[in-house]
Amino acid sequence: MNKFAIFEAKNRLTHIIREAEKGDAVELTRHGKPVAVLVGMEKYAELKGCVRSFSRVFDEFQVEWPMELVEGPIDLTEPREGDIDPFENVRAIDTGRDISL
């Protein structure tokens, strides 16, 4: 990441914006301390899209996996034949580490 003091950034703004457009984050400092980061629009949109509230993600989950598709009581310990697991691709396969007591 490139670093520029704010007073220097004023004089080199065009260069700094080109760096950000290329995908390189540019750190702006005041008295040697970081105060801001300049990123291009593509990176900004990526970062902005990654931060979603739990309620929004849960709402999306409910639309994709509506409860109307579930028949009978839900038993998470024993999947039934034909059940679709919405977490199939996100769960870790390993069982974790062994702990001796």
PDB file of N, CA and C in Angstrom:
ATOM      1  N   MET A   1       0.855  -1.172   0.000  1.00  0.00           N
ATOM      2  CA  MET A   1       0.000   0.000   0.000  1.00  0.00           C
ATOM      3  C   MET A   1       0.898   1.230   0.000  1.00  0.00           C
ATOM      4  N   ASN A   2       0.604   2.139  -0.896  1.00  0.00           N
ATOM      5  CA  ASN A   2       1.347   3.393  -0.960  1.00  0.00           C
ATOM      6  C   ASN A   2       0.871   4.330   0.137  1.00  0.00           C
ATOM      7  N   LYS A   3       1.806   5.124   0.665  1.00  0.00           N
ATOM      8  CA  LYS A   3       1.476   6.090   1.710  1.00  0.00           C
ATOM      9  C   LYS A   3       1.862   7.488   1.249  1.00  0.00           C
ATOM     10  N   PHE A   4       0.981   8.437   1.543  1.00  0.00           N
ATOM     11  CA  PHE A   4       1.250   9.828   1.227  1.00  0.00           C
ATOM     12  C   PHE A   4       0.787  10.689   2.382  1.00  0.00           C
ATOM     13  N   ALA A   5       1.591  11.675   2.713  1.00  0.00           N
ATOM     14  CA  ALA A   5       1.154  12.678   3.679  1.00  0.00           C
ATOM     15  C   ALA A   5       0.093  13.536   2.998  1.00  0.00           C
ATOM     16  N   ILE A   6      -0.856  14.022   3.760  1.00  0.00           N
ATOM     17  CA  ILE A   6      -1.951  14.798   3.182  1.00  0.00           C
ATOM     18  C   ILE A   6      -1.428  16.012   2.414  1.00  0.00           C
ATOM     19  N   PHE A   7      -0.444  16.699   2.954  1.00  0.00           N
ATOM     20  CA  PHE A   7       0.074  17.879   2.252  1.00  0.00           C
ATOM     21  C   PHE A   7       0.685  17.483   0.912  1.00  0.00           C
ATOM     22  N   GLU A   8       1.303  16.301   0.829  1.00  0.00           N
ATOM     23  CA  GLU A   8       1.880  15.819  -0.427  1.00  0.00           C
ATOM     24  C   GLU A   8       0.770  15.355  -1.380  1.00  0.00           C
ATOM     25  N   ALA A   9      -0.264  14.759  -0.823  1.00  0.00           N
ATOM     26  CA  ALA A   9      -1.373  14.244  -1.624  1.00  0.00           C
ATOM     27  C   ALA A   9      -2.077  15.375  -2.382  1.00  0.00           C
ATOM     28  N   LYS A  10      -2.131  16.551  -1.778  1.00  0.00           N
ATOM     29  CA  LYS A  10      -2.763  17.694  -2.453  1.00  0.00           C
ATOM     30  C   LYS A  10      -2.079  17.981  -3.783  1.00  0.00           C
ATOM     31  N   ASN A  11      -0.759  17.861  -3.802  1.00  0.00           N
ATOM     32  CA  ASN A  11       0.009  18.163  -5.002  1.00  0.00           C
ATOM     33  C   ASN A  11       0.052  16.999  -5.992  1.00  0.00           C
ATOM     34  N   ARG A  12      -0.229  15.786  -5.527  1.00  0.00           N
ATOM     35  CA  ARG A  12      -0.113  14.602  -6.382  1.00  0.00           C
ATOM     36  C   ARG A  12      -1.443  13.873  -6.522  1.00  0.00           C
ATOM     37  N   LEU A  13      -2.538  14.587  -6.395  1.00  0.00           N
ATOM     38  CA  LEU A  13      -3.860  13.975  -6.377  1.00  0.00           C
ATOM     39  C   LEU A  13      -4.131  13.120  -7.616  1.00  0.00           C
ATOM     40  N   THR A  14      -3.803  13.617  -8.797  1.00  0.00           N
ATOM     41  CA  THR A  14      -4.056  12.863 -10.032  1.00  0.00           C
ATOM     42  C   THR A  14      -3.321  11.528  -9.994  1.00  0.00           C
ATOM     43  N   HIS A  15      -2.074  11.531  -9.591  1.00  0.00           N
ATOM     44  CA  HIS A  15      -1.275  10.306  -9.493  1.00  0.00           C
ATOM     45  C   HIS A  15      -1.889   9.341  -8.474  1.00  0.00           C
ATOM     46  N   ILE A  16      -2.294   9.859  -7.341  1.00  0.00           N
ATOM     47  CA  ILE A  16      -2.861   9.026  -6.278  1.00  0.00           C
ATOM     48  C   ILE A  16      -4.178   8.395  -6.729  1.00  0.00           C
ATOM     49  N   ILE A  17      -5.003   9.154  -7.424  1.00  0.00           N
ATOM     50  CA  ILE A  17      -6.267   8.611  -7.920  1.00  0.00           C
ATOM     51  C   ILE A  17      -6.011   7.514  -8.944  1.00  0.00           C
ATOM     52  N   ARG A  18      -5.020   7.681  -9.783  1.00  0.00           N
ATOM     53  CA  ARG A  18      -4.679   6.623 -10.749  1.00  0.00           C
ATOM     54  C   ARG A  18      -4.238   5.349 -10.027  1.00  0.00           C
ATOM     55  N   GLU A  19      -3.485   5.497  -8.963  1.00  0.00           N
ATOM     56  CA  GLU A  19      -3.067   4.328  -8.165  1.00  0.00           C
ATOM     57  C   GLU A  19      -4.294   3.605  -7.607  1.00  0.00           C
ATOM     58  N   ALA A  20      -5.234   4.365  -7.083  1.00  0.00           N
ATOM     59  CA  ALA A  20      -6.450   3.778  -6.522  1.00  0.00           C
ATOM     60  C   ALA A  20      -7.278   3.102  -7.609  1.00  0.00           C
ATOM     61  N   GLU A  21      -7.361   3.724  -8.773  1.00  0.00           N
ATOM     62  CA  GLU A  21      -8.119   3.134  -9.879  1.00  0.00           C
ATOM     63  C   GLU A  21      -7.530   1.809 -10.327  1.00  0.00           C
ATOM     64  N   LYS A  22      -6.213   1.665 -10.220  1.00  0.00           N
ATOM     65  CA  LYS A  22      -5.556   0.413 -10.592  1.00  0.00           C
ATOM     66  C   LYS A  22      -5.844  -0.697  -9.586  1.00  0.00           C
ATOM     67  N   GLY A  23      -6.380  -0.333  -8.436  1.00  0.00           N
ATOM     68  CA  GLY A  23      -6.674  -1.341  -7.414  1.00  0.00           C
ATOM     69  C   GLY A  23      -5.761  -1.260  -6.213  1.00  0.00           C
ATOM     70  N   ASP A  24      -4.804  -0.342  -6.246  1.00  0.00           N
ATOM     71  CA  ASP A  24      -3.894  -0.179  -5.113  1.00  0.00           C
ATOM     72  C   ASP A  24      -4.506   0.783  -4.099  1.00  0.00           C
ATOM     73  N   ALA A  25      -4.620   0.349  -2.868  1.00  0.00           N
ATOM     74  CA  ALA A  25      -5.109   1.241  -1.817  1.00  0.00           C
ATOM     75  C   ALA A  25      -4.017   2.261  -1.501  1.00  0.00           C
ATOM     76  N   VAL A  26      -4.409   3.472  -1.212  1.00  0.00           N
ATOM     77  CA  VAL A  26      -3.462   4.545  -0.898  1.00  0.00           C
ATOM     78  C   VAL A  26      -3.795   5.061   0.500  1.00  0.00           C
ATOM     79  N   GLU A  27      -2.810   4.995   1.370  1.00  0.00           N
ATOM     80  CA  GLU A  27      -2.995   5.458   2.747  1.00  0.00           C
ATOM     81  C   GLU A  27      -2.580   6.926   2.851  1.00  0.00           C
ATOM     82  N   LEU A  28      -3.442   7.715   3.463  1.00  0.00           N
ATOM     83  CA  LEU A  28      -3.131   9.124   3.686  1.00  0.00           C
ATOM     84  C   LEU A  28      -2.792   9.318   5.157  1.00  0.00           C
ATOM     85  N   THR A  29      -1.729  10.063   5.399  1.00  0.00           N
ATOM     86  CA  THR A  29      -1.265  10.252   6.773  1.00  0.00           C
ATOM     87  C   THR A  29      -1.221  11.725   7.140  1.00  0.00           C
ATOM     88  N   ARG A  30      -1.333  11.972   8.448  1.00  0.00           N
ATOM     89  CA  ARG A  30      -1.172  13.321   8.990  1.00  0.00           C
ATOM     90  C   ARG A  30      -0.173  13.188  10.141  1.00  0.00           C
ATOM     91  N   HIS A  31       0.919  13.897  10.048  1.00  0.00           N
ATOM     92  CA  HIS A  31       1.990  13.831  11.055  1.00  0.00           C
ATOM     93  C   HIS A  31       2.455  12.395  11.257  1.00  0.00           C
ATOM     94  N   GLY A  32       2.508  11.635  10.140  1.00  0.00           N
ATOM     95  CA  GLY A  32       3.008  10.264  10.181  1.00  0.00           C
ATOM     96  C   GLY A  32       1.999   9.219  10.642  1.00  0.00           C
ATOM     97  N   LYS A  33       0.812   9.652  11.020  1.00  0.00           N
ATOM     98  CA  LYS A  33      -0.208   8.699  11.488  1.00  0.00           C
ATOM     99  C   LYS A  33      -1.272   8.503  10.414  1.00  0.00           C
ATOM    100  N   PRO A  34      -1.669   7.249  10.146  1.00  0.00           N
ATOM    101  CA  PRO A  34      -2.693   7.008   9.132  1.00  0.00           C
ATOM    102  C   PRO A  34      -4.035   7.603   9.535  1.00  0.00           C
ATOM    103  N   VAL A  35      -4.687   8.302   8.588  1.00  0.00           N
ATOM    104  CA  VAL A  35      -5.980   8.925   8.874  1.00  0.00           C
ATOM    105  C   VAL A  35      -7.063   8.514   7.879  1.00  0.00           C
ATOM    106  N   ALA A  36      -6.667   8.030   6.695  1.00  0.00           N
ATOM    107  CA  ALA A  36      -7.664   7.656   5.695  1.00  0.00           C
ATOM    108  C   ALA A  36      -7.023   6.734   4.667  1.00  0.00           C
ATOM    109  N   VAL A  37      -7.882   6.044   3.941  1.00  0.00           N
ATOM    110  CA  VAL A  37      -7.427   5.187   2.847  1.00  0.00           C
ATOM    111  C   VAL A  37      -8.270   5.515   1.627  1.00  0.00           C
ATOM    112  N   LEU A  38      -7.606   5.700   0.505  1.00  0.00           N
ATOM    113  CA  LEU A  38      -8.284   5.982  -0.751  1.00  0.00           C
ATOM    114  C   LEU A  38      -8.259   4.711  -1.590  1.00  0.00           C
ATOM    115  N   VAL A  39      -9.449   4.283  -2.045  1.00  0.00           N
ATOM    116  CA  VAL A  39      -9.544   3.100  -2.895  1.00  0.00           C
ATOM    117  C   VAL A  39     -10.382   3.445  -4.110  1.00  0.00           C
ATOM    118  N   GLY A  40     -10.211   2.678  -5.172  1.00  0.00           N
ATOM    119  CA  GLY A  40     -10.985   2.880  -6.385  1.00  0.00           C
ATOM    120  C   GLY A  40     -12.435   2.447  -6.193  1.00  0.00           C
ATOM    121  N   MET A  41     -13.298   2.858  -7.116  1.00  0.00           N
ATOM    122  CA  MET A  41     -14.729   2.555  -7.010  1.00  0.00           C
ATOM    123  C   MET A  41     -15.003   1.061  -7.038  1.00  0.00           C
ATOM    124  N   GLU A  42     -14.255   0.321  -7.823  1.00  0.00           N
ATOM    125  CA  GLU A  42     -14.473  -1.130  -7.897  1.00  0.00           C
ATOM    126  C   GLU A  42     -14.225  -1.777  -6.534  1.00  0.00           C
ATOM    127  N   LYS A  43     -13.129  -1.420  -5.904  1.00  0.00           N
ATOM    128  CA  LYS A  43     -12.817  -1.963  -4.582  1.00  0.00           C
ATOM    129  C   LYS A  43     -13.827  -1.475  -3.544  1.00  0.00           C
ATOM    130  N   TYR A  44     -14.229  -0.226  -3.630  1.00  0.00           N
ATOM    131  CA  TYR A  44     -15.214   0.328  -2.704  1.00  0.00           C
ATOM    132  C   TYR A  44     -16.531  -0.436  -2.796  1.00  0.00           C
ATOM    133  N   ALA A  45     -16.991  -0.680  -4.029  1.00  0.00           N
ATOM    134  CA  ALA A  45     -18.247  -1.411  -4.218  1.00  0.00           C
ATOM    135  C   ALA A  45     -18.127  -2.824  -3.653  1.00  0.00           C
ATOM    136  N   GLU A  46     -16.965  -3.436  -3.838  1.00  0.00           N
ATOM    137  CA  GLU A  46     -16.731  -4.777  -3.291  1.00  0.00           C
ATOM    138  C   GLU A  46     -16.793  -4.752  -1.771  1.00  0.00           C
ATOM    139  N   LEU A  47     -16.132  -3.788  -1.171  1.00  0.00           N
ATOM    140  CA  LEU A  47     -16.134  -3.686   0.284  1.00  0.00           C
ATOM    141  C   LEU A  47     -17.521  -3.346   0.819  1.00  0.00           C
ATOM    142  N   LYS A  48     -18.202  -2.453   0.154  1.00  0.00           N
ATOM    143  CA  LYS A  48     -19.532  -2.037   0.602  1.00  0.00           C
ATOM    144  C   LYS A  48     -20.518  -3.195   0.530  1.00  0.00           C
ATOM    145  N   GLY A  49     -20.395  -4.011  -0.501  1.00  0.00           N
ATOM    146  CA  GLY A  49     -21.289  -5.147  -0.663  1.00  0.00           C
ATOM    147  C   GLY A  49     -21.042  -6.256   0.330  1.00  0.00           C
ATOM    148  N   CYS A  50     -19.849  -6.330   0.869  1.00  0.00           N
ATOM    149  CA  CYS A  50     -19.513  -7.406   1.804  1.00  0.00           C
ATOM    150  C   CYS A  50     -20.106  -7.183   3.182  1.00  0.00           C
ATOM    151  N   VAL A  51     -20.399  -5.985   3.522  1.00  0.00           N
ATOM    152  CA  VAL A  51     -20.895  -5.707   4.859  1.00  0.00           C
ATOM    153  C   VAL A  51     -22.410  -5.627   4.797  1.00  0.00           C
ATOM    154  N   ARG A  52     -23.040  -6.711   5.238  1.00  0.00           N
ATOM    155  CA  ARG A  52     -24.497  -6.755   5.256  1.00  0.00           C
ATOM    156  C   ARG A  52     -24.933  -7.089   6.677  1.00  0.00           C
ATOM    157  N   SER A  53     -26.034  -6.536   7.063  1.00  0.00           N
ATOM    158  CA  SER A  53     -26.530  -6.794   8.411  1.00  0.00           C
ATOM    159  C   SER A  53     -27.036  -8.222   8.511  1.00  0.00           C
ATOM    160  N   PHE A  54     -27.031  -8.756   9.726  1.00  0.00           N
ATOM    161  CA  PHE A  54     -27.524 -10.111   9.949  1.00  0.00           C
ATOM    162  C   PHE A  54     -28.976 -10.229   9.496  1.00  0.00           C
ATOM    163  N   SER A  55     -29.788  -9.227   9.811  1.00  0.00           N
ATOM    164  CA  SER A  55     -31.211  -9.312   9.462  1.00  0.00           C
ATOM    165  C   SER A  55     -31.398  -9.389   7.948  1.00  0.00           C
ATOM    166  N   ARG A  56     -30.578  -8.668   7.198  1.00  0.00           N
ATOM    167  CA  ARG A  56     -30.697  -8.719   5.736  1.00  0.00           C
ATOM    168  C   ARG A  56     -30.290 -10.089   5.209  1.00  0.00           C
ATOM    169  N   VAL A  57     -29.198 -10.636   5.738  1.00  0.00           N
ATOM    170  CA  VAL A  57     -28.751 -11.957   5.316  1.00  0.00           C
ATOM    171  C   VAL A  57     -29.790 -13.005   5.688  1.00  0.00           C
ATOM    172  N   PHE A  58     -30.378 -12.892   6.880  1.00  0.00           N
ATOM    173  CA  PHE A  58     -31.392 -13.837   7.330  1.00  0.00           C
ATOM    174  C   PHE A  58     -32.638 -13.752   6.447  1.00  0.00           C
ATOM    175  N   ASP A  59     -33.035 -12.540   6.084  1.00  0.00           N
ATOM    176  CA  ASP A  59     -34.181 -12.374   5.189  1.00  0.00           C
ATOM    177  C   ASP A  59     -33.921 -13.051   3.847  1.00  0.00           C
ATOM    178  N   GLU A  60     -32.713 -12.881   3.316  1.00  0.00           N
ATOM    179  CA  GLU A  60     -32.354 -13.527   2.051  1.00  0.00           C
ATOM    180  C   GLU A  60     -32.383 -15.046   2.193  1.00  0.00           C
ATOM    181  N   PHE A  61     -31.911 -15.538   3.333  1.00  0.00           N
ATOM    182  CA  PHE A  61     -31.918 -16.976   3.603  1.00  0.00           C
ATOM    183  C   PHE A  61     -33.350 -17.504   3.623  1.00  0.00           C
ATOM    184  N   GLN A  62     -34.246 -16.773   4.276  1.00  0.00           N
ATOM    185  CA  GLN A  62     -35.633 -17.209   4.370  1.00  0.00           C
ATOM    186  C   GLN A  62     -36.327 -17.219   3.010  1.00  0.00           C
ATOM    187  N   VAL A  63     -35.944 -16.303   2.140  1.00  0.00           N
ATOM    188  CA  VAL A  63     -36.523 -16.300   0.797  1.00  0.00           C
ATOM    189  C   VAL A  63     -36.032 -17.524   0.027  1.00  0.00           C
ATOM    190  N   GLU A  64     -34.746 -17.837   0.160  1.00  0.00           N
ATOM    191  CA  GLU A  64     -34.177 -18.966  -0.574  1.00  0.00           C
ATOM    192  C   GLU A  64     -34.605 -20.311   0.021  1.00  0.00           C
ATOM    193  N   TRP A  65     -34.787 -20.361   1.340  1.00  0.00           N
ATOM    194  CA  TRP A  65     -35.141 -21.600   2.033  1.00  0.00           C
ATOM    195  C   TRP A  65     -36.393 -21.373   2.888  1.00  0.00           C
ATOM    196  N   PRO A  66     -37.558 -21.187   2.247  1.00  0.00           N
ATOM    197  CA  PRO A  66     -38.778 -20.902   3.013  1.00  0.00           C
ATOM    198  C   PRO A  66     -39.202 -22.103   3.870  1.00  0.00           C
ATOM    199  N   MET A  67     -39.768 -21.805   5.035  1.00  0.00           N
ATOM    200  CA  MET A  67     -40.212 -22.842   5.959  1.00  0.00           C
ATOM    201  C   MET A  67     -41.357 -23.677   5.384  1.00  0.00           C
ATOM    202  N   GLU A  68     -42.072 -23.155   4.380  1.00  0.00           N
ATOM    203  CA  GLU A  68     -43.167 -23.910   3.788  1.00  0.00           C
ATOM    204  C   GLU A  68     -42.669 -25.199   3.141  1.00  0.00           C
ATOM    205  N   LEU A  69     -41.383 -25.239   2.782  1.00  0.00           N
ATOM    206  CA  LEU A  69     -40.825 -26.433   2.157  1.00  0.00           C
ATOM    207  C   LEU A  69     -40.569 -27.544   3.174  1.00  0.00           C
ATOM    208  N   VAL A  70     -40.575 -27.203   4.455  1.00  0.00           N
ATOM    209  CA  VAL A  70     -40.273 -28.174   5.503  1.00  0.00           C
ATOM    210  C   VAL A  70     -41.563 -28.865   5.924  1.00  0.00           C
ATOM    211  N   GLU A  71     -41.527 -30.197   5.915  1.00  0.00           N
ATOM    212  CA  GLU A  71     -42.690 -30.975   6.344  1.00  0.00           C
ATOM    213  C   GLU A  71     -42.387 -31.607   7.694  1.00  0.00           C
ATOM    214  N   GLY A  72     -43.270 -31.422   8.647  1.00  0.00           N
ATOM    215  CA  GLY A  72     -43.099 -32.031   9.959  1.00  0.00           C
ATOM    216  C   GLY A  72     -42.075 -31.295  10.800  1.00  0.00           C
ATOM    217  N   PRO A  73     -41.826 -31.844  11.999  1.00  0.00           N
ATOM    218  CA  PRO A  73     -40.857 -31.196  12.892  1.00  0.00           C
ATOM    219  C   PRO A  73     -39.439 -31.277  12.336  1.00  0.00           C
ATOM    220  N   ILE A  74     -38.641 -30.297  12.685  1.00  0.00           N
ATOM    221  CA  ILE A  74     -37.259 -30.256  12.211  1.00  0.00           C
ATOM    222  C   ILE A  74     -36.360 -30.946  13.219  1.00  0.00           C
ATOM    223  N   ASP A  75     -35.662 -31.985  12.766  1.00  0.00           N
ATOM    224  CA  ASP A  75     -34.693 -32.692  13.603  1.00  0.00           C
ATOM    225  C   ASP A  75     -33.330 -32.512  12.946  1.00  0.00           C
ATOM    226  N   LEU A  76     -32.512 -31.644  13.521  1.00  0.00           N
ATOM    227  CA  LEU A  76     -31.215 -31.336  12.918  1.00  0.00           C
ATOM    228  C   LEU A  76     -30.182 -32.422  13.143  1.00  0.00           C
ATOM    229  N   THR A  77     -30.477 -33.399  14.010  1.00  0.00           N
ATOM    230  CA  THR A  77     -29.494 -34.442  14.300  1.00  0.00           C
ATOM    231  C   THR A  77     -29.495 -35.539  13.244  1.00  0.00           C
ATOM    232  N   GLU A  78     -30.645 -35.838  12.666  1.00  0.00           N
ATOM    233  CA  GLU A  78     -30.756 -36.898  11.669  1.00  0.00           C
ATOM    234  C   GLU A  78     -31.441 -36.368  10.411  1.00  0.00           C
ATOM    235  N   PRO A  79     -30.681 -36.111   9.346  1.00  0.00           N
ATOM    236  CA  PRO A  79     -31.331 -35.646   8.120  1.00  0.00           C
ATOM    237  C   PRO A  79     -32.187 -36.751   7.511  1.00  0.00           C
ATOM    238  N   ARG A  80     -33.322 -36.347   6.951  1.00  0.00           N
ATOM    239  CA  ARG A  80     -34.208 -37.299   6.295  1.00  0.00           C
ATOM    240  C   ARG A  80     -33.786 -37.468   4.841  1.00  0.00           C
ATOM    241  N   GLU A  81     -34.169 -38.558   4.250  1.00  0.00           N
ATOM    242  CA  GLU A  81     -33.843 -38.803   2.852  1.00  0.00           C
ATOM    243  C   GLU A  81     -34.506 -37.732   1.993  1.00  0.00           C
ATOM    244  N   GLY A  82     -33.752 -37.161   1.103  1.00  0.00           N
ATOM    245  CA  GLY A  82     -34.279 -36.132   0.222  1.00  0.00           C
ATOM    246  C   GLY A  82     -34.168 -34.719   0.782  1.00  0.00           C
ATOM    247  N   ASP A  83     -33.754 -34.593   2.057  1.00  0.00           N
ATOM    248  CA  ASP A  83     -33.595 -33.261   2.640  1.00  0.00           C
ATOM    249  C   ASP A  83     -32.458 -32.519   1.960  1.00  0.00           C
ATOM    250  N   ILE A  84     -32.634 -31.241   1.785  1.00  0.00           N
ATOM    251  CA  ILE A  84     -31.594 -30.381   1.224  1.00  0.00           C
ATOM    252  C   ILE A  84     -30.952 -29.645   2.382  1.00  0.00           C
ATOM    253  N   ASP A  85     -29.631 -29.672   2.413  1.00  0.00           N
ATOM    254  CA  ASP A  85     -28.901 -29.001   3.488  1.00  0.00           C
ATOM    255  C   ASP A  85     -28.386 -27.655   2.985  1.00  0.00           C
ATOM    256  N   PRO A  86     -28.953 -26.543   3.453  1.00  0.00           N
ATOM    257  CA  PRO A  86     -28.503 -25.233   2.957  1.00  0.00           C
ATOM    258  C   PRO A  86     -27.081 -24.883   3.389  1.00  0.00           C
ATOM    259  N   PHE A  87     -26.542 -25.616   4.355  1.00  0.00           N
ATOM    260  CA  PHE A  87     -25.200 -25.326   4.848  1.00  0.00           C
ATOM    261  C   PHE A  87     -24.170 -26.323   4.335  1.00  0.00           C
ATOM    262  N   GLU A  88     -24.558 -27.126   3.370  1.00  0.00           N
ATOM    263  CA  GLU A  88     -23.703 -28.196   2.868  1.00  0.00           C
ATOM    264  C   GLU A  88     -22.328 -27.693   2.413  1.00  0.00           C
ATOM    265  N   ASN A  89     -22.285 -26.577   1.725  1.00  0.00           N
ATOM    266  CA  ASN A  89     -21.022 -26.091   1.163  1.00  0.00           C
ATOM    267  C   ASN A  89     -20.275 -25.121   2.068  1.00  0.00           C
ATOM    268  N   VAL A  90     -20.808 -24.827   3.249  1.00  0.00           N
ATOM    269  CA  VAL A  90     -20.129 -23.866   4.113  1.00  0.00           C
ATOM    270  C   VAL A  90     -19.588 -24.497   5.394  1.00  0.00           C
ATOM    271  N   ARG A  91     -20.010 -25.697   5.695  1.00  0.00           N
ATOM    272  CA  ARG A  91     -19.522 -26.356   6.901  1.00  0.00           C
ATOM    273  C   ARG A  91     -18.135 -26.928   6.679  1.00  0.00           C
ATOM    274  N   ALA A  92     -17.314 -26.902   7.725  1.00  0.00           N
ATOM    275  CA  ALA A  92     -16.005 -27.525   7.679  1.00  0.00           C
ATOM    276  C   ALA A  92     -16.199 -29.039   7.778  1.00  0.00           C
ATOM    277  N   ILE A  93     -15.421 -29.790   7.030  1.00  0.00           N
ATOM    278  CA  ILE A  93     -15.551 -31.246   7.012  1.00  0.00           C
ATOM    279  C   ILE A  93     -14.900 -31.879   8.240  1.00  0.00           C
ATOM    280  N   ASP A  94     -13.799 -31.282   8.691  1.00  0.00           N
ATOM    281  CA  ASP A  94     -13.086 -31.884   9.827  1.00  0.00           C
ATOM    282  C   ASP A  94     -13.890 -31.734  11.113  1.00  0.00           C
ATOM    283  N   THR A  95     -13.576 -32.561  12.075  1.00  0.00           N
ATOM    284  CA  THR A  95     -14.299 -32.559  13.347  1.00  0.00           C
ATOM    285  C   THR A  95     -13.620 -31.691  14.389  1.00  0.00           C
ATOM    286  N   GLY A  96     -12.554 -31.050  14.029  1.00  0.00           N
ATOM    287  CA  GLY A  96     -11.844 -30.199  14.983  1.00  0.00           C
ATOM    288  C   GLY A  96     -10.668 -30.918  15.591  1.00  0.00           C
ATOM    289  N   ARG A  97     -10.111 -30.349  16.598  1.00  0.00           N
ATOM    290  CA  ARG A  97      -8.932 -30.948  17.222  1.00  0.00           C
ATOM    291  C   ARG A  97      -9.336 -31.803  18.408  1.00  0.00           C
ATOM    292  N   ASP A  98      -8.502 -32.775  18.717  1.00  0.00           N
ATOM    293  CA  ASP A  98      -8.736 -33.641  19.865  1.00  0.00           C
ATOM    294  C   ASP A  98      -8.294 -32.913  21.133  1.00  0.00           C
ATOM    295  N   ILE A  99      -9.106 -33.012  22.160  1.00  0.00           N
ATOM    296  CA  ILE A  99      -8.773 -32.391  23.436  1.00  0.00           C
ATOM    297  C   ILE A  99      -8.758 -33.486  24.490  1.00  0.00           C
ATOM    298  N   SER A 100      -7.643 -33.624  25.159  1.00  0.00           N
ATOM    299  CA  SER A 100      -7.569 -34.621  26.229  1.00  0.00           C
ATOM    300  C   SER A 100      -7.876 -33.936  27.552  1.00  0.00           C
ATOM    301  N   LEU A 101      -8.728 -34.566  28.315  1.00  0.00           N
ATOM    302  CA  LEU A 101      -9.133 -33.988  29.590  1.00  0.00           C
ATOM    303  C   LEU A 101      -8.347 -34.571  30.735  1.00  0.00           C
TER     304      LEU A 101
END
